[in-house]
Protein backbone atom coordinates (compact mmCIF):
# COMPACT_ATOMS: atom_id res chain seq x y z
CA MET A 1 -2.67 18.92 -2.17
CA ALA A 2 -4.73 17.10 0.88
CA ARG A 3 -4.38 13.26 1.38
CA TYR A 4 -8.15 11.82 -0.21
CA ARG A 5 -10.61 11.78 2.84
CA GLY A 6 -13.89 11.17 1.21
CA ALA A 7 -15.85 8.30 0.43
CA LYS A 8 -13.60 5.25 -0.02
CA TRP A 9 -16.34 3.08 -1.59
CA ARG A 10 -16.66 4.89 -4.27
CA ILE A 11 -12.92 5.18 -5.39
CA ALA A 12 -12.72 1.36 -4.68
CA ARG A 13 -15.76 0.94 -7.21
CA ARG A 14 -14.50 3.80 -9.87
CA LEU A 15 -11.12 2.38 -9.78
CA GLY A 16 -12.58 -1.52 -10.38
CA VAL A 17 -10.64 -2.94 -7.41
CA ASN A 18 -10.45 -3.17 -3.70
CA ILE A 19 -7.32 -0.93 -2.93
CA TYR A 20 -8.46 -0.66 0.37
CA VAL A 21 -7.16 -3.98 1.52
CA GLY A 22 -8.11 -4.83 5.54
CA GLU A 23 -10.50 -1.88 5.88
CA GLU A 24 -13.48 -3.28 4.64
CA LYS A 25 -15.20 -3.55 8.01
CA SER A 26 -14.50 0.41 8.38
CA LEU A 27 -16.52 1.13 4.91
CA LYS A 28 -19.84 1.03 6.57
CA GLY A 29 -20.93 -2.20 4.72
CA LYS A 30 -21.21 -0.75 1.41
CA ALA A 31 -20.21 -2.91 -1.70
CA ILE A 32 -16.80 -2.30 -3.03
CA THR A 33 -16.08 -4.60 -5.99
CA ASP A 34 -17.65 -7.93 -5.94
CA LYS A 35 -21.43 -6.98 -5.18
CA ARG A 36 -21.25 -4.01 -7.65
CA PRO A 37 -18.77 -4.22 -10.12
CA TYR A 38 -19.24 -1.04 -11.81
CA PRO A 39 -18.48 2.45 -10.96
CA PRO A 40 -20.73 4.34 -8.97
CA GLY A 41 -23.22 6.77 -9.90
CA GLN A 42 -26.78 7.03 -11.79
CA HIS A 43 -25.09 5.90 -15.02
CA GLY A 44 -22.57 3.95 -13.67
CA ARG A 45 -23.99 0.64 -15.31
CA SER A 46 -24.11 2.24 -18.67
CA ARG A 47 -21.13 4.26 -19.00
CA ARG A 48 -19.07 3.95 -22.24
CA LYS A 49 -15.72 2.13 -23.23
CA ILE A 50 -12.78 3.65 -21.07
CA SER A 51 -10.06 5.52 -23.38
CA TYR A 52 -6.41 4.17 -23.45
CA TYR A 53 -5.46 6.87 -21.97
CA GLY A 54 -7.92 6.57 -19.62
CA ARG A 55 -6.65 3.35 -18.21
CA GLN A 56 -3.15 4.73 -18.15
CA LEU A 57 -4.81 7.21 -15.51
CA MET A 58 -6.66 4.55 -13.63
CA GLU A 59 -3.57 2.37 -13.49
CA LYS A 60 -1.97 5.36 -11.71
CA GLN A 61 -4.70 6.32 -9.55
CA LYS A 62 -4.84 2.52 -8.53
CA VAL A 63 -1.16 2.68 -6.83
CA LYS A 64 -1.78 5.72 -5.58
CA TYR A 65 -4.62 5.25 -3.53
CA TYR A 66 -3.35 2.00 -2.69
CA TYR A 67 0.14 3.31 -1.07
CA GLY A 68 -1.67 6.27 0.16
CA VAL A 69 0.91 8.63 -1.69
CA ARG A 70 -0.22 11.70 -3.05
CA GLU A 71 0.95 13.53 -6.34
CA GLU A 72 4.48 15.11 -5.54
CA GLN A 73 5.12 12.08 -3.72
CA PHE A 74 4.27 9.68 -6.69
CA ARG A 75 6.25 11.63 -8.88
CA ARG A 76 9.26 11.63 -7.09
CA PHE A 77 9.12 8.21 -6.53
CA TYR A 78 8.43 7.69 -10.37
CA LYS A 79 11.76 9.80 -10.94
CA MET A 80 13.89 7.76 -8.38
CA ALA A 81 12.63 4.34 -10.45
CA GLU A 82 13.87 5.86 -13.71
CA ARG A 83 17.21 6.41 -12.46
CA MET A 84 17.69 3.17 -11.37
CA LYS A 85 18.54 -0.17 -13.22
CA GLY A 86 15.73 -2.64 -14.67
CA GLN A 87 12.31 -1.81 -15.70
CA THR A 88 10.77 1.54 -14.44
CA GLY A 89 7.31 0.28 -13.98
CA GLU A 90 8.97 -2.98 -11.48
CA ASN A 91 11.62 0.04 -9.91
CA LEU A 92 8.55 2.05 -9.22
CA LEU A 93 6.42 -0.72 -7.57
CA LYS A 94 9.54 -2.06 -5.50
CA LEU A 95 10.44 1.08 -4.16
CA LEU A 96 6.51 1.91 -3.23
CA GLU A 97 6.68 -1.74 -1.40
CA SER A 98 9.58 -0.63 0.67
CA ARG A 99 8.01 2.46 2.36
CA LEU A 100 8.26 2.04 5.74
CA ASP A 101 4.47 2.29 6.51
CA ASN A 102 4.03 -0.46 3.53
CA VAL A 103 6.40 -3.20 5.57
CA VAL A 104 4.64 -2.39 8.90
CA TYR A 105 1.04 -3.38 7.26
CA ARG A 106 2.96 -6.49 5.37
CA LEU A 107 3.95 -7.66 8.52
CA GLY A 108 0.80 -7.45 10.35
CA PHE A 109 1.50 -4.78 12.68
CA GLY A 110 -1.03 -2.36 11.08
CA LYS A 111 -4.47 -3.78 9.96
CA SER A 112 -4.21 -2.03 6.66
CA HIS A 113 -2.23 0.67 4.80
CA ARG A 114 -4.00 3.51 6.75
CA HIS A 115 -3.35 1.95 9.96
CA ALA A 116 0.22 1.18 9.39
CA ARG A 117 0.68 4.70 8.21
CA GLN A 118 -0.55 6.03 11.97
CA LEU A 119 1.70 3.82 13.97
CA VAL A 120 4.54 5.30 12.09
CA VAL A 121 3.61 8.68 12.19
CA HIS A 122 2.61 8.32 16.03
CA GLY A 123 6.05 6.92 16.71
CA HIS A 124 5.29 3.17 17.66
CA ILE A 125 7.47 1.86 14.98
CA LEU A 126 11.34 1.51 15.47
CA VAL A 127 13.83 0.94 12.23
CA ASN A 128 17.32 -0.86 13.65
CA GLY A 129 16.42 0.45 16.97
CA LYS A 130 15.48 3.85 16.62
CA LYS A 131 12.20 5.73 16.08
CA VAL A 132 11.41 6.30 12.76
CA THR A 133 7.87 8.61 12.27
CA ARG A 134 8.01 9.25 8.70
CA PRO A 135 5.82 6.82 6.38
CA SER A 136 7.99 7.25 3.08
CA PHE A 137 11.51 5.94 4.71
CA LEU A 138 12.52 3.39 2.41
CA VAL A 139 13.64 -0.01 4.46
CA LYS A 140 16.18 -1.98 2.61
CA PRO A 141 17.87 -5.50 3.00
CA GLY A 142 19.03 -6.58 6.65
CA ASP A 143 17.11 -3.28 8.37
CA VAL A 144 14.85 -4.56 11.42
CA ILE A 145 11.44 -3.04 12.05
CA GLU A 146 9.66 -3.65 15.19
CA VAL A 147 7.05 -2.27 17.44
CA ARG A 148 8.25 -0.38 20.61
CA GLU A 149 7.57 -2.03 23.66
CA LYS A 150 5.22 0.46 25.31
CA SER A 151 3.18 -0.07 22.39
CA ARG A 152 2.91 -3.91 22.20
CA ASN A 153 -0.37 -4.15 23.87
CA ILE A 154 -2.53 -2.12 21.34
CA PRO A 155 -5.49 -4.32 20.80
CA ASP A 156 -5.35 -3.11 16.84
CA ILE A 157 -1.49 -4.32 16.63
CA LEU A 158 -2.31 -7.50 18.22
CA SER A 159 -5.06 -8.58 15.78
CA GLY A 160 -3.26 -7.43 12.80
CA ILE A 161 -0.32 -9.57 13.67
CA GLU A 162 -2.86 -12.59 14.12
CA LEU A 163 -4.46 -11.78 10.77
CA ALA A 164 -0.58 -11.85 9.04
CA LYS A 165 0.12 -15.14 10.64
CA GLN A 166 -3.19 -16.21 8.65
CA ARG A 167 -2.24 -14.79 5.31
CA GLY A 168 1.29 -14.98 5.94
CA VAL A 169 3.94 -12.47 4.95
CA PRO A 170 5.98 -12.05 1.67
CA SER A 171 9.16 -14.20 1.14
CA TRP A 172 11.30 -10.60 1.39
CA LEU A 173 10.12 -10.22 4.70
CA GLU A 174 10.63 -12.45 8.03
CA LEU A 175 8.13 -11.96 10.98
CA ASP A 176 8.82 -12.66 14.41
CA ALA A 177 5.14 -12.22 15.71
CA GLU A 178 6.66 -13.15 19.72
CA ASN A 179 8.94 -10.43 19.76
CA PHE A 180 6.90 -7.71 17.34
CA LYS A 181 9.95 -7.79 15.05
CA GLY A 182 10.15 -8.47 11.43
CA ILE A 183 13.45 -8.54 9.47
CA VAL A 184 14.02 -7.20 5.70
CA LYS A 185 15.36 -10.26 4.23
CA ALA A 186 15.84 -8.81 0.63
CA GLU A 187 14.10 -6.29 -1.94
CA PRO A 188 10.68 -6.56 -2.40
CA THR A 189 9.23 -9.21 -5.36
CA ARG A 190 6.92 -7.77 -7.95
CA ASP A 191 4.81 -11.20 -7.85
CA GLU A 192 3.81 -10.66 -4.31
CA ILE A 193 1.92 -7.30 -4.77
CA GLU A 194 -1.87 -8.01 -3.91
CA ILE A 195 -3.71 -5.88 -6.20
CA PRO A 196 -3.51 -6.35 -10.45
CA ILE A 197 -1.56 -3.38 -11.46
CA ALA A 198 -0.28 -2.80 -15.13
CA GLU A 199 2.71 -0.56 -14.19
CA ASN A 200 3.29 -0.38 -17.97
CA LEU A 201 0.72 1.54 -18.60
CA ILE A 202 1.67 4.19 -15.73
CA VAL A 203 5.32 4.33 -17.49
CA GLU A 204 3.64 5.10 -20.85
CA LEU A 205 1.41 7.88 -18.98
CA TYR A 206 4.72 9.60 -17.68
CA SER A 207 7.12 9.10 -20.49
CA LYS A 208 4.35 11.39 -23.00
């Protein structure tokens, strides 16, 4: 299954939340969820109440689109989460937060999840001094994430870091902006995820 490349603003409105944080300017001025808080289409305003199964499916779609993972990747992470101690839903979100492309975004090296994923794939990011080109690579406490020296003058990286300084980085990460470096201090925390997700509904969906 190929990665979705259609109209992003339609997906955001259908799910009722801006899942493309950092990409608002690239959506060609289309209203996302604040100006048009209803699904797209001719009958968007008058659609009937969503079913409970529909709510479960929508929560899964939120997470998939937000982190940019395909269905088979999502299922793989879910199975990993099931094998871990603790609550499966929270484990799932922590695993997705630990993906290298998400950490690159959280540190500000990437202006959005999509931009961060491109930086990783194109070899601009080092983990513990070694180039890693797999966005799904899972970081762990103690790992050092940095932009390779030859890439530190890329304008989008520089502006992304400035944005990160303004919004702040999660407490489980530490940003050394001057040296284009970040340190994973601890495991991700559930309460610092930016978009509202009811992960219990995802667990119920996969438990059927």
